[in-house]
Structures are given as C-alpha cells and as structure tokens.
Protein backbone atom coordinates (compact mmCIF):
# COMPACT_ATOMS: atom_id res chain seq x y z
CA CYS A 1 -149.89 -95.79 38.70
CA ALA A 2 -151.49 -98.95 40.34
CA ALA A 3 -154.63 -98.57 38.58
CA PHE A 4 -152.43 -98.43 35.23
CA TYR A 5 -150.21 -101.14 36.57
CA ASP A 6 -153.31 -103.47 37.32
CA ILE A 7 -154.77 -102.70 33.63
CA TYR A 8 -151.50 -103.37 31.70
CA LYS A 9 -150.84 -107.06 33.08
CA THR A 10 -154.55 -108.33 32.08
CA THR A 11 -154.03 -110.98 29.27
CA ILE A 12 -157.59 -110.76 28.01
CA PRO A 13 -158.11 -107.94 25.27
CA GLU A 14 -161.83 -107.73 26.46
CA GLU A 15 -160.75 -107.21 30.34
CA PHE A 16 -157.80 -104.90 29.38
CA GLU A 17 -160.49 -102.46 27.30
CA HIS A 18 -163.22 -102.78 29.88
CA LYS A 19 -160.53 -101.55 32.70
CA TRP A 20 -158.76 -98.96 30.40
CA ASN A 21 -162.30 -97.19 29.62
CA THR A 22 -163.13 -97.08 32.87
CA MET A 23 -159.78 -95.98 34.19
CA VAL A 24 -160.26 -93.14 31.40
CA HIS A 25 -163.68 -92.07 32.25
CA LYS A 26 -162.87 -92.11 36.11
CA HIS A 27 -160.23 -89.68 35.57
CA ASN A 28 -161.34 -87.55 33.75
CA LEU A 29 -158.77 -88.74 31.08
CA GLU A 30 -160.76 -88.25 27.27
CA GLU A 31 -158.76 -85.51 25.58
CA ASN A 32 -155.61 -86.12 27.66
CA LYS A 33 -153.66 -86.48 24.27
CA HIS A 34 -150.72 -89.27 26.05
CA ILE A 35 -153.49 -91.73 26.42
CA GLN A 36 -154.76 -91.01 23.71
CA GLY A 37 -151.72 -92.39 22.22
CA LEU A 38 -151.56 -94.99 24.16
CA GLN A 39 -154.81 -96.29 23.24
CA LYS A 40 -153.73 -96.05 19.54
CA VAL A 41 -150.60 -97.94 20.18
CA LYS A 42 -151.77 -100.53 22.61
CA ARG A 43 -151.22 -103.22 20.47
CA PHE A 44 -147.16 -102.85 20.99
CA TRP A 45 -147.49 -102.80 24.86
CA ALA A 46 -150.26 -104.13 26.16
CA LEU A 47 -149.95 -107.46 27.74
CA ALA A 48 -153.52 -108.45 26.62
CA TYR A 49 -152.09 -108.04 22.39
CA LEU A 50 -148.85 -109.36 23.18
CA ARG A 51 -149.56 -112.52 24.56
CA ASP A 52 -149.07 -114.76 21.59
CA ARG A 53 -146.35 -113.38 20.32
CA PHE A 54 -142.64 -114.75 20.67
CA PHE A 55 -139.99 -112.40 22.12
CA GLY A 56 -137.31 -114.83 21.91
CA GLY A 57 -133.94 -113.37 22.79
CA MET A 58 -135.44 -110.62 24.70
CA ILE A 59 -134.09 -108.99 28.01
CA THR A 60 -136.02 -108.53 31.05
CA ILE A 61 -136.55 -104.95 32.00
CA GLY A 62 -134.75 -105.46 35.22
CA ARG A 63 -131.87 -106.51 33.22
CA SER A 64 -132.40 -103.75 30.63
CA GLU A 65 -132.74 -101.07 33.68
CA MET A 66 -129.04 -102.81 34.78
CA THR A 67 -128.25 -101.40 30.88
CA ASN A 68 -129.54 -98.67 30.50
CA ALA A 69 -127.93 -97.38 34.24
CA PHE A 70 -124.86 -98.36 32.56
CA ILE A 71 -124.89 -96.65 29.96
CA LYS A 72 -125.78 -93.60 31.20
CA ASN A 73 -122.30 -93.84 33.88
CA PHE A 74 -120.47 -92.98 30.66
CA VAL A 75 -122.73 -90.96 28.37
CA SER A 76 -124.90 -87.49 28.52
CA SER A 77 -127.77 -86.28 26.59
CA ASN A 78 -125.74 -84.26 24.56
CA PHE A 79 -123.32 -87.06 23.11
CA ILE A 80 -123.85 -87.45 18.97
CA LEU A 81 -123.75 -90.96 17.88
CA LYS A 82 -119.94 -91.40 16.64
CA ASP A 83 -118.61 -89.96 20.20
CA PHE A 84 -121.08 -92.80 21.90
CA VAL A 85 -119.49 -95.01 20.19
CA LYS A 86 -115.85 -94.02 20.51
CA GLN A 87 -117.30 -94.19 24.69
CA VAL A 88 -118.74 -97.72 24.24
CA ASP A 89 -115.59 -98.96 22.66
CA MET A 90 -113.54 -97.49 25.23
CA VAL A 91 -115.23 -98.92 28.01
CA VAL A 92 -115.44 -102.13 26.45
CA HIS A 93 -111.61 -101.87 25.84
CA GLU A 94 -111.56 -101.14 29.74
CA ILE A 95 -113.63 -104.30 30.40
CA GLY A 96 -111.78 -106.12 28.29
CA GLN A 97 -108.41 -105.27 30.04
CA ALA A 98 -109.76 -105.95 33.23
CA ARG A 99 -110.67 -109.34 32.42
CA VAL A 100 -107.21 -110.04 30.66
CA HIS A 101 -105.38 -108.68 34.21
CA ASN A 102 -107.98 -110.22 36.44
CA ASN A 103 -107.33 -113.84 34.65
CA ILE A 104 -103.19 -113.27 34.71
CA THR A 105 -103.13 -112.20 38.11
CA ALA A 106 -105.68 -115.44 39.32
CA THR A 107 -102.71 -117.79 37.28
CA LEU A 108 -99.96 -116.63 38.21
CA ARG A 109 -99.89 -116.37 41.76
CA PRO A 110 -96.53 -115.12 44.04
CA ILE A 111 -94.02 -118.13 44.79
CA SER A 112 -92.94 -118.44 48.57
CA VAL A 113 -88.98 -118.25 48.80
CA LYS A 114 -87.81 -121.33 50.60
CA SER A 115 -84.36 -119.89 51.21
CA LYS A 116 -82.70 -116.96 51.94
CA SER A 117 -80.65 -117.17 48.62
CA PRO A 118 -80.77 -114.08 45.71
CA LEU A 119 -80.45 -116.48 43.06
CA GLU A 120 -83.62 -117.80 44.59
CA LYS A 121 -85.28 -114.93 44.50
C-alpha cells in the first residue's frame, strides 16, 4: 500500500512510469489482471497525468467518504434505483423537517409568566 501511495502521489509522468514498473517487477505483478487494468487507465487516476486538468466543483475524498457513509446508513446493495430515489427523498424531507423544527424552536422561545394570572398563561 505504501509503495502504491508513493507512486500515486507522484506528479511527473516519467517518474510515475519508473516507480510503477519498479513496483510491478519487485512484486511479480506483471500477469496480475488488476494491475494491468490500472496501468491501462492510469490517465484517469494517476496524479502525474491529471495535473493539467481542471476539476472545479469536485468534492474532496474525505467529503465523498462522508457522503458514502451517509448513504450507506439508509440503503443496501439490493435496492433498485426507484427504491433508492424514494429513500433519498424521504431522508431529504426528514432533514428539511428537522431544520424547520429547529428554526421554529429557536424563534419561538417560551415566555416567562410574570404573574400567576390564568389570563397571562
């Protein structure tokens, strides 16, 4: 993992290629289908090949992971898309309801009664 991460964060294509080939040979991964697949699509994931690309508006990995963890709380892998959309809609509605409730609660604070009069209560 450490060797792969070191290769991943390399920003110079030639250095990436050298480190990649060294890792593949060192661990005898020349015939590994997964490694071969990663090599074929390196231009889509390796920083060395992405440094000239603009990714405005994309979220960070940490934020993405939080989103994935949130989604996993209310769906499972056997959901069909229609059920997933309904579930997300329900959760978004519940979040909206909670915000409205919190806003109302913050705005409408209980007023203290000055006298013991039933009319004032």
